[in-house]
């Protein structure tokens, strides 16, 4: 995943969002992570992520767009990513 990716993925399912965020976090680049969080915040899949993480959608979207969230929110998101990421790392 790089900022040079031709087009953003379809982020309309929880699995797609989890896989996309996992790839961004694995890249280890703060700009890539911030870009991914912002894209997910505007995606249809955000509602699924918010429900799975137990965070109100509007609050999660605002935090992701700012690129700033509390540790409890970040840990909830990471738990969802871990549960919905394919075991072999293959795209969903």
PDB file of N, CA and C in Angstrom:
ATOM      1  N   UNK A   1       0.846  -1.167   0.000  1.00  0.00           N
ATOM      2  CA  UNK A   1       0.000   0.000   0.000  1.00  0.00           C
ATOM      3  C   UNK A   1       0.890   1.228   0.000  1.00  0.00           C
ATOM      4  N   UNK A   2       0.642   2.099  -0.967  1.00  0.00           N
ATOM      5  CA  UNK A   2       1.354   3.366  -1.016  1.00  0.00           C
ATOM      6  C   UNK A   2       0.387   4.445  -1.429  1.00  0.00           C
ATOM      7  N   UNK A   3       0.807   5.685  -1.256  1.00  0.00           N
ATOM      8  CA  UNK A   3      -0.057   6.781  -1.683  1.00  0.00           C
ATOM      9  C   UNK A   3      -0.177   6.820  -3.193  1.00  0.00           C
ATOM     10  N   UNK A   4       0.663   6.061  -3.888  1.00  0.00           N
ATOM     11  CA  UNK A   4       0.621   6.033  -5.346  1.00  0.00           C
ATOM     12  C   UNK A   4      -0.357   4.987  -5.880  1.00  0.00           C
ATOM     13  N   UNK A   5      -1.055   4.291  -4.976  1.00  0.00           N
ATOM     14  CA  UNK A   5      -2.043   3.310  -5.435  1.00  0.00           C
ATOM     15  C   UNK A   5      -3.010   3.989  -6.394  1.00  0.00           C
ATOM     16  N   UNK A   6      -3.324   3.319  -7.498  1.00  0.00           N
ATOM     17  CA  UNK A   6      -4.143   3.916  -8.550  1.00  0.00           C
ATOM     18  C   UNK A   6      -5.540   4.293  -8.072  1.00  0.00           C
ATOM     19  N   UNK A   7      -6.189   3.405  -7.379  1.00  0.00           N
ATOM     20  CA  UNK A   7      -7.538   3.707  -6.910  1.00  0.00           C
ATOM     21  C   UNK A   7      -7.743   3.042  -5.554  1.00  0.00           C
ATOM     22  N   UNK A   8      -8.525   3.692  -4.700  1.00  0.00           N
ATOM     23  CA  UNK A   8      -8.762   3.090  -3.383  1.00  0.00           C
ATOM     24  C   UNK A   8      -9.611   1.832  -3.506  1.00  0.00           C
ATOM     25  N   UNK A   9      -9.432   0.904  -2.578  1.00  0.00           N
ATOM     26  CA  UNK A   9     -10.229  -0.322  -2.620  1.00  0.00           C
ATOM     27  C   UNK A   9     -11.675  -0.040  -2.231  1.00  0.00           C
ATOM     28  N   UNK A  10     -12.535  -0.980  -2.559  1.00  0.00           N
ATOM     29  CA  UNK A  10     -13.941  -0.884  -2.126  1.00  0.00           C
ATOM     30  C   UNK A  10     -13.964  -1.229  -0.643  1.00  0.00           C
ATOM     31  N   UNK A  11     -14.272  -0.259   0.171  1.00  0.00           N
ATOM     32  CA  UNK A  11     -14.280  -0.449   1.628  1.00  0.00           C
ATOM     33  C   UNK A  11     -15.720  -0.467   2.123  1.00  0.00           C
ATOM     34  N   UNK A  12     -16.449  -1.492   1.705  1.00  0.00           N
ATOM     35  CA  UNK A  12     -17.864  -1.553   2.048  1.00  0.00           C
ATOM     36  C   UNK A  12     -18.220  -2.713   2.970  1.00  0.00           C
ATOM     37  N   UNK A  13     -17.225  -3.506   3.362  1.00  0.00           N
ATOM     38  CA  UNK A  13     -17.458  -4.600   4.298  1.00  0.00           C
ATOM     39  C   UNK A  13     -16.447  -4.502   5.435  1.00  0.00           C
ATOM     40  N   UNK A  14     -16.747  -5.142   6.532  1.00  0.00           N
ATOM     41  CA  UNK A  14     -15.833  -5.145   7.664  1.00  0.00           C
ATOM     42  C   UNK A  14     -14.524  -5.836   7.302  1.00  0.00           C
ATOM     43  N   UNK A  15     -14.596  -6.930   6.580  1.00  0.00           N
ATOM     44  CA  UNK A  15     -13.377  -7.633   6.178  1.00  0.00           C
ATOM     45  C   UNK A  15     -12.495  -6.761   5.294  1.00  0.00           C
ATOM     46  N   UNK A  16     -13.094  -6.028   4.364  1.00  0.00           N
ATOM     47  CA  UNK A  16     -12.319  -5.158   3.478  1.00  0.00           C
ATOM     48  C   UNK A  16     -11.651  -4.038   4.266  1.00  0.00           C
ATOM     49  N   UNK A  17     -12.384  -3.442   5.193  1.00  0.00           N
ATOM     50  CA  UNK A  17     -11.830  -2.373   6.026  1.00  0.00           C
ATOM     51  C   UNK A  17     -10.695  -2.913   6.889  1.00  0.00           C
ATOM     52  N   UNK A  18     -10.914  -4.055   7.520  1.00  0.00           N
ATOM     53  CA  UNK A  18      -9.890  -4.644   8.388  1.00  0.00           C
ATOM     54  C   UNK A  18      -8.627  -4.969   7.614  1.00  0.00           C
ATOM     55  N   UNK A  19      -8.774  -5.545   6.445  1.00  0.00           N
ATOM     56  CA  UNK A  19      -7.619  -5.886   5.625  1.00  0.00           C
ATOM     57  C   UNK A  19      -6.863  -4.635   5.180  1.00  0.00           C
ATOM     58  N   UNK A  20      -7.605  -3.613   4.768  1.00  0.00           N
ATOM     59  CA  UNK A  20      -6.997  -2.359   4.315  1.00  0.00           C
ATOM     60  C   UNK A  20      -6.227  -1.681   5.453  1.00  0.00           C
ATOM     61  N   UNK A  21      -6.839  -1.605   6.634  1.00  0.00           N
ATOM     62  CA  UNK A  21      -6.156  -0.982   7.765  1.00  0.00           C
ATOM     63  C   UNK A  21      -4.957  -1.807   8.215  1.00  0.00           C
ATOM     64  N   UNK A  22      -5.078  -3.123   8.198  1.00  0.00           N
ATOM     65  CA  UNK A  22      -3.950  -3.980   8.576  1.00  0.00           C
ATOM     66  C   UNK A  22      -2.763  -3.732   7.652  1.00  0.00           C
ATOM     67  N   UNK A  23      -3.020  -3.632   6.358  1.00  0.00           N
ATOM     68  CA  UNK A  23      -1.945  -3.357   5.403  1.00  0.00           C
ATOM     69  C   UNK A  23      -1.303  -2.003   5.679  1.00  0.00           C
ATOM     70  N   UNK A  24      -2.128  -1.012   5.992  1.00  0.00           N
ATOM     71  CA  UNK A  24      -1.605   0.325   6.285  1.00  0.00           C
ATOM     72  C   UNK A  24      -0.752   0.309   7.547  1.00  0.00           C
ATOM     73  N   UNK A  25      -1.220  -0.377   8.584  1.00  0.00           N
ATOM     74  CA  UNK A  25      -0.453  -0.445   9.823  1.00  0.00           C
ATOM     75  C   UNK A  25       0.833  -1.240   9.617  1.00  0.00           C
ATOM     76  N   UNK A  26       0.763  -2.310   8.821  1.00  0.00           N
ATOM     77  CA  UNK A  26       1.950  -3.115   8.536  1.00  0.00           C
ATOM     78  C   UNK A  26       3.017  -2.312   7.790  1.00  0.00           C
ATOM     79  N   UNK A  27       2.587  -1.349   6.992  1.00  0.00           N
ATOM     80  CA  UNK A  27       3.537  -0.519   6.241  1.00  0.00           C
ATOM     81  C   UNK A  27       4.425   0.274   7.200  1.00  0.00           C
ATOM     82  N   UNK A  28       3.883   0.613   8.365  1.00  0.00           N
ATOM     83  CA  UNK A  28       4.666   1.302   9.370  1.00  0.00           C
ATOM     84  C   UNK A  28       4.958   2.765   9.071  1.00  0.00           C
ATOM     85  N   UNK A  29       4.329   3.314   8.056  1.00  0.00           N
ATOM     86  CA  UNK A  29       4.539   4.707   7.676  1.00  0.00           C
ATOM     87  C   UNK A  29       3.389   5.561   8.210  1.00  0.00           C
ATOM     88  N   UNK A  30       3.686   6.562   9.026  1.00  0.00           N
ATOM     89  CA  UNK A  30       2.610   7.377   9.598  1.00  0.00           C
ATOM     90  C   UNK A  30       1.713   8.036   8.546  1.00  0.00           C
ATOM     91  N   UNK A  31       2.271   8.496   7.447  1.00  0.00           N
ATOM     92  CA  UNK A  31       1.445   9.114   6.406  1.00  0.00           C
ATOM     93  C   UNK A  31       0.489   8.110   5.774  1.00  0.00           C
ATOM     94  N   UNK A  32       0.972   6.903   5.545  1.00  0.00           N
ATOM     95  CA  UNK A  32       0.125   5.844   4.981  1.00  0.00           C
ATOM     96  C   UNK A  32      -0.999   5.496   5.947  1.00  0.00           C
ATOM     97  N   UNK A  33      -0.689   5.398   7.241  1.00  0.00           N
ATOM     98  CA  UNK A  33      -1.710   5.082   8.231  1.00  0.00           C
ATOM     99  C   UNK A  33      -2.744   6.201   8.323  1.00  0.00           C
ATOM    100  N   UNK A  34      -2.289   7.445   8.338  1.00  0.00           N
ATOM    101  CA  UNK A  34      -3.219   8.577   8.419  1.00  0.00           C
ATOM    102  C   UNK A  34      -4.127   8.621   7.200  1.00  0.00           C
ATOM    103  N   UNK A  35      -3.556   8.386   6.019  1.00  0.00           N
ATOM    104  CA  UNK A  35      -4.339   8.373   4.786  1.00  0.00           C
ATOM    105  C   UNK A  35      -5.378   7.249   4.816  1.00  0.00           C
ATOM    106  N   UNK A  36      -4.978   6.084   5.289  1.00  0.00           N
ATOM    107  CA  UNK A  36      -5.895   4.942   5.357  1.00  0.00           C
ATOM    108  C   UNK A  36      -7.030   5.210   6.342  1.00  0.00           C
ATOM    109  N   UNK A  37      -6.717   5.756   7.506  1.00  0.00           N
ATOM    110  CA  UNK A  37      -7.746   6.071   8.492  1.00  0.00           C
ATOM    111  C   UNK A  37      -8.745   7.076   7.937  1.00  0.00           C
ATOM    112  N   UNK A  38      -8.241   8.076   7.235  1.00  0.00           N
ATOM    113  CA  UNK A  38      -9.111   9.093   6.654  1.00  0.00           C
ATOM    114  C   UNK A  38     -10.021   8.502   5.579  1.00  0.00           C
ATOM    115  N   UNK A  39      -9.471   7.624   4.752  1.00  0.00           N
ATOM    116  CA  UNK A  39     -10.272   6.992   3.702  1.00  0.00           C
ATOM    117  C   UNK A  39     -11.353   6.096   4.311  1.00  0.00           C
ATOM    118  N   UNK A  40     -10.993   5.332   5.329  1.00  0.00           N
ATOM    119  CA  UNK A  40     -11.971   4.468   5.987  1.00  0.00           C
ATOM    120  C   UNK A  40     -13.057   5.311   6.652  1.00  0.00           C
ATOM    121  N   UNK A  41     -12.676   6.451   7.214  1.00  0.00           N
ATOM    122  CA  UNK A  41     -13.654   7.325   7.889  1.00  0.00           C
ATOM    123  C   UNK A  41     -14.744   7.790   6.934  1.00  0.00           C
ATOM    124  N   UNK A  42     -14.444   7.838   5.649  1.00  0.00           N
ATOM    125  CA  UNK A  42     -15.421   8.288   4.646  1.00  0.00           C
ATOM    126  C   UNK A  42     -16.061   7.128   3.884  1.00  0.00           C
ATOM    127  N   UNK A  43     -15.756   5.902   4.288  1.00  0.00           N
ATOM    128  CA  UNK A  43     -16.237   4.733   3.552  1.00  0.00           C
ATOM    129  C   UNK A  43     -17.545   4.188   4.112  1.00  0.00           C
ATOM    130  N   UNK A  44     -18.216   3.385   3.293  1.00  0.00           N
ATOM    131  CA  UNK A  44     -19.432   2.701   3.747  1.00  0.00           C
ATOM    132  C   UNK A  44     -19.128   1.690   4.841  1.00  0.00           C
ATOM    133  N   UNK A  45     -17.913   1.151   4.831  1.00  0.00           N
ATOM    134  CA  UNK A  45     -17.529   0.146   5.817  1.00  0.00           C
ATOM    135  C   UNK A  45     -17.299   0.692   7.211  1.00  0.00           C
ATOM    136  N   UNK A  46     -17.245   2.016   7.354  1.00  0.00           N
ATOM    137  CA  UNK A  46     -17.021   2.600   8.674  1.00  0.00           C
ATOM    138  C   UNK A  46     -18.102   2.172   9.657  1.00  0.00           C
ATOM    139  N   UNK A  47     -19.335   2.103   9.211  1.00  0.00           N
ATOM    140  CA  UNK A  47     -20.432   1.703  10.113  1.00  0.00           C
ATOM    141  C   UNK A  47     -20.187   0.304  10.671  1.00  0.00           C
ATOM    142  N   UNK A  48     -19.682  -0.597   9.844  1.00  0.00           N
ATOM    143  CA  UNK A  48     -19.387  -1.962  10.293  1.00  0.00           C
ATOM    144  C   UNK A  48     -18.249  -1.958  11.309  1.00  0.00           C
ATOM    145  N   UNK A  49     -17.197  -1.178  11.019  1.00  0.00           N
ATOM    146  CA  UNK A  49     -16.063  -1.091  11.935  1.00  0.00           C
ATOM    147  C   UNK A  49     -16.493  -0.497  13.273  1.00  0.00           C
ATOM    148  N   UNK A  50     -17.267   0.557  13.228  1.00  0.00           N
ATOM    149  CA  UNK A  50     -17.727   1.207  14.454  1.00  0.00           C
ATOM    150  C   UNK A  50     -18.559   0.241  15.307  1.00  0.00           C
ATOM    151  N   UNK A  51     -19.466  -0.481  14.668  1.00  0.00           N
ATOM    152  CA  UNK A  51     -20.299  -1.435  15.401  1.00  0.00           C
ATOM    153  C   UNK A  51     -19.444  -2.537  16.030  1.00  0.00           C
ATOM    154  N   UNK A  52     -18.499  -3.062  15.259  1.00  0.00           N
ATOM    155  CA  UNK A  52     -17.651  -4.147  15.759  1.00  0.00           C
ATOM    156  C   UNK A  52     -16.731  -3.671  16.881  1.00  0.00           C
ATOM    157  N   UNK A  53     -16.296  -2.418  16.813  1.00  0.00           N
ATOM    158  CA  UNK A  53     -15.393  -1.867  17.822  1.00  0.00           C
ATOM    159  C   UNK A  53     -16.148  -1.317  19.029  1.00  0.00           C
ATOM    160  N   UNK A  54     -17.462  -1.175  18.902  1.00  0.00           N
ATOM    161  CA  UNK A  54     -18.261  -0.645  20.000  1.00  0.00           C
ATOM    162  C   UNK A  54     -18.076   0.849  20.212  1.00  0.00           C
ATOM    163  N   UNK A  55     -17.853   1.555  19.109  1.00  0.00           N
ATOM    164  CA  UNK A  55     -17.634   3.002  19.157  1.00  0.00           C
ATOM    165  C   UNK A  55     -18.688   3.665  18.274  1.00  0.00           C
ATOM    166  N   UNK A  56     -19.328   4.738  18.752  1.00  0.00           N
ATOM    167  CA  UNK A  56     -20.299   5.423  17.890  1.00  0.00           C
ATOM    168  C   UNK A  56     -19.663   5.867  16.565  1.00  0.00           C
ATOM    169  N   UNK A  57     -20.365   5.629  15.473  1.00  0.00           N
ATOM    170  CA  UNK A  57     -19.838   5.895  14.143  1.00  0.00           C
ATOM    171  C   UNK A  57     -19.351   7.339  13.982  1.00  0.00           C
ATOM    172  N   UNK A  58     -20.128   8.282  14.454  1.00  0.00           N
ATOM    173  CA  UNK A  58     -19.767   9.692  14.280  1.00  0.00           C
ATOM    174  C   UNK A  58     -18.481  10.035  15.025  1.00  0.00           C
ATOM    175  N   UNK A  59     -18.332   9.496  16.238  1.00  0.00           N
ATOM    176  CA  UNK A  59     -17.114   9.746  17.006  1.00  0.00           C
ATOM    177  C   UNK A  59     -15.903   9.083  16.362  1.00  0.00           C
ATOM    178  N   UNK A  60     -16.094   7.877  15.852  1.00  0.00           N
ATOM    179  CA  UNK A  60     -14.996   7.180  15.192  1.00  0.00           C
ATOM    180  C   UNK A  60     -14.577   7.909  13.924  1.00  0.00           C
ATOM    181  N   UNK A  61     -15.543   8.351  13.145  1.00  0.00           N
ATOM    182  CA  UNK A  61     -15.226   9.083  11.913  1.00  0.00           C
ATOM    183  C   UNK A  61     -14.435  10.355  12.225  1.00  0.00           C
ATOM    184  N   UNK A  62     -14.864  11.095  13.230  1.00  0.00           N
ATOM    185  CA  UNK A  62     -14.168  12.330  13.591  1.00  0.00           C
ATOM    186  C   UNK A  62     -12.739  12.050  14.042  1.00  0.00           C
ATOM    187  N   UNK A  63     -12.566  11.030  14.863  1.00  0.00           N
ATOM    188  CA  UNK A  63     -11.228  10.692  15.353  1.00  0.00           C
ATOM    189  C   UNK A  63     -10.326  10.223  14.217  1.00  0.00           C
ATOM    190  N   UNK A  64     -10.871   9.418  13.312  1.00  0.00           N
ATOM    191  CA  UNK A  64     -10.076   8.907  12.194  1.00  0.00           C
ATOM    192  C   UNK A  64      -9.704  10.034  11.237  1.00  0.00           C
ATOM    193  N   UNK A  65     -10.612  10.946  10.987  1.00  0.00           N
ATOM    194  CA  UNK A  65     -10.313  12.076  10.100  1.00  0.00           C
ATOM    195  C   UNK A  65      -9.232  12.975  10.686  1.00  0.00           C
ATOM    196  N   UNK A  66      -9.229  13.138  11.998  1.00  0.00           N
ATOM    197  CA  UNK A  66      -8.200  13.948  12.652  1.00  0.00           C
ATOM    198  C   UNK A  66      -6.881  13.198  12.736  1.00  0.00           C
ATOM    199  N   UNK A  67      -6.947  11.867  12.655  1.00  0.00           N
ATOM    200  CA  UNK A  67      -5.750  11.058  12.838  1.00  0.00           C
ATOM    201  C   UNK A  67      -5.341  10.994  14.301  1.00  0.00           C
ATOM    202  N   UNK A  68      -6.288  11.298  15.166  1.00  0.00           N
ATOM    203  CA  UNK A  68      -6.033  11.283  16.601  1.00  0.00           C
ATOM    204  C   UNK A  68      -7.167  10.540  17.297  1.00  0.00           C
ATOM    205  N   UNK A  69      -6.789   9.515  18.043  1.00  0.00           N
ATOM    206  CA  UNK A  69      -7.802   8.792  18.804  1.00  0.00           C
ATOM    207  C   UNK A  69      -7.181   8.278  20.079  1.00  0.00           C
ATOM    208  N   UNK A  70      -8.030   8.036  21.042  1.00  0.00           N
ATOM    209  CA  UNK A  70      -7.559   7.520  22.314  1.00  0.00           C
ATOM    210  C   UNK A  70      -7.060   6.094  22.182  1.00  0.00           C
ATOM    211  N   UNK A  71      -6.243   5.709  23.140  1.00  0.00           N
ATOM    212  CA  UNK A  71      -5.694   4.363  23.136  1.00  0.00           C
ATOM    213  C   UNK A  71      -6.790   3.313  23.186  1.00  0.00           C
ATOM    214  N   UNK A  72      -7.851   3.552  23.938  1.00  0.00           N
ATOM    215  CA  UNK A  72      -8.937   2.581  24.027  1.00  0.00           C
ATOM    216  C   UNK A  72      -9.613   2.375  22.675  1.00  0.00           C
ATOM    217  N   UNK A  73      -9.787   3.453  21.928  1.00  0.00           N
ATOM    218  CA  UNK A  73     -10.391   3.350  20.596  1.00  0.00           C
ATOM    219  C   UNK A  73      -9.460   2.629  19.636  1.00  0.00           C
ATOM    220  N   UNK A  74      -8.182   2.980  19.675  1.00  0.00           N
ATOM    221  CA  UNK A  74      -7.205   2.328  18.798  1.00  0.00           C
ATOM    222  C   UNK A  74      -7.117   0.839  19.095  1.00  0.00           C
ATOM    223  N   UNK A  75      -7.110   0.471  20.361  1.00  0.00           N
ATOM    224  CA  UNK A  75      -7.058  -0.950  20.717  1.00  0.00           C
ATOM    225  C   UNK A  75      -8.311  -1.690  20.260  1.00  0.00           C
ATOM    226  N   UNK A  76      -9.471  -1.052  20.352  1.00  0.00           N
ATOM    227  CA  UNK A  76     -10.712  -1.671  19.878  1.00  0.00           C
ATOM    228  C   UNK A  76     -10.645  -1.917  18.375  1.00  0.00           C
ATOM    229  N   UNK A  77     -10.107  -0.945  17.633  1.00  0.00           N
ATOM    230  CA  UNK A  77      -9.961  -1.103  16.187  1.00  0.00           C
ATOM    231  C   UNK A  77      -8.973  -2.222  15.871  1.00  0.00           C
ATOM    232  N   UNK A  78      -7.853  -2.253  16.587  1.00  0.00           N
ATOM    233  CA  UNK A  78      -6.849  -3.288  16.338  1.00  0.00           C
ATOM    234  C   UNK A  78      -7.414  -4.680  16.618  1.00  0.00           C
ATOM    235  N   UNK A  79      -8.259  -4.805  17.637  1.00  0.00           N
ATOM    236  CA  UNK A  79      -8.879  -6.098  17.946  1.00  0.00           C
ATOM    237  C   UNK A  79      -9.785  -6.538  16.795  1.00  0.00           C
ATOM    238  N   UNK A  80     -10.551  -5.601  16.248  1.00  0.00           N
ATOM    239  CA  UNK A  80     -11.427  -5.915  15.112  1.00  0.00           C
ATOM    240  C   UNK A  80     -10.587  -6.335  13.911  1.00  0.00           C
ATOM    241  N   UNK A  81      -9.518  -5.603  13.644  1.00  0.00           N
ATOM    242  CA  UNK A  81      -8.642  -5.946  12.523  1.00  0.00           C
ATOM    243  C   UNK A  81      -8.107  -7.360  12.696  1.00  0.00           C
ATOM    244  N   UNK A  82      -7.657  -7.679  13.894  1.00  0.00           N
ATOM    245  CA  UNK A  82      -7.092  -9.001  14.162  1.00  0.00           C
ATOM    246  C   UNK A  82      -8.125 -10.100  13.953  1.00  0.00           C
ATOM    247  N   UNK A  83      -9.365  -9.849  14.341  1.00  0.00           N
ATOM    248  CA  UNK A  83     -10.416 -10.864  14.203  1.00  0.00           C
ATOM    249  C   UNK A  83     -10.882 -11.050  12.763  1.00  0.00           C
ATOM    250  N   UNK A  84     -10.721 -10.029  11.933  1.00  0.00           N
ATOM    251  CA  UNK A  84     -11.280 -10.089  10.580  1.00  0.00           C
ATOM    252  C   UNK A  84     -10.242 -10.134   9.470  1.00  0.00           C
ATOM    253  N   UNK A  85      -8.998 -10.259   9.837  1.00  0.00           N
ATOM    254  CA  UNK A  85      -7.936 -10.354   8.845  1.00  0.00           C
ATOM    255  C   UNK A  85      -7.719 -11.836   8.518  1.00  0.00           C
ATOM    256  N   UNK A  86      -7.549 -12.152   7.248  1.00  0.00           N
ATOM    257  CA  UNK A  86      -7.310 -13.549   6.891  1.00  0.00           C
ATOM    258  C   UNK A  86      -6.033 -14.055   7.560  1.00  0.00           C
ATOM    259  N   UNK A  87      -6.048 -15.292   8.005  1.00  0.00           N
ATOM    260  CA  UNK A  87      -4.907 -15.869   8.715  1.00  0.00           C
ATOM    261  C   UNK A  87      -3.658 -15.922   7.841  1.00  0.00           C
ATOM    262  N   UNK A  88      -3.827 -16.119   6.552  1.00  0.00           N
ATOM    263  CA  UNK A  88      -2.658 -16.247   5.666  1.00  0.00           C
ATOM    264  C   UNK A  88      -2.221 -14.904   5.083  1.00  0.00           C
ATOM    265  N   UNK A  89      -2.914 -13.815   5.449  1.00  0.00           N
ATOM    266  CA  UNK A  89      -2.557 -12.498   4.948  1.00  0.00           C
ATOM    267  C   UNK A  89      -3.060 -12.235   3.539  1.00  0.00           C
ATOM    268  N   UNK A  90      -3.768 -13.194   2.951  1.00  0.00           N
ATOM    269  CA  UNK A  90      -4.286 -13.016   1.599  1.00  0.00           C
ATOM    270  C   UNK A  90      -5.431 -12.013   1.629  1.00  0.00           C
ATOM    271  N   UNK A  91      -5.598 -11.250   0.553  1.00  0.00           N
ATOM    272  CA  UNK A  91      -6.716 -10.302   0.517  1.00  0.00           C
ATOM    273  C   UNK A  91      -8.045 -11.029   0.572  1.00  0.00           C
ATOM    274  N   UNK A  92      -9.038 -10.389   1.168  1.00  0.00           N
ATOM    275  CA  UNK A  92     -10.384 -10.967   1.254  1.00  0.00           C
ATOM    276  C   UNK A  92     -11.102 -10.875  -0.055  1.00  0.00           C
TER     277      UNK A  92
END
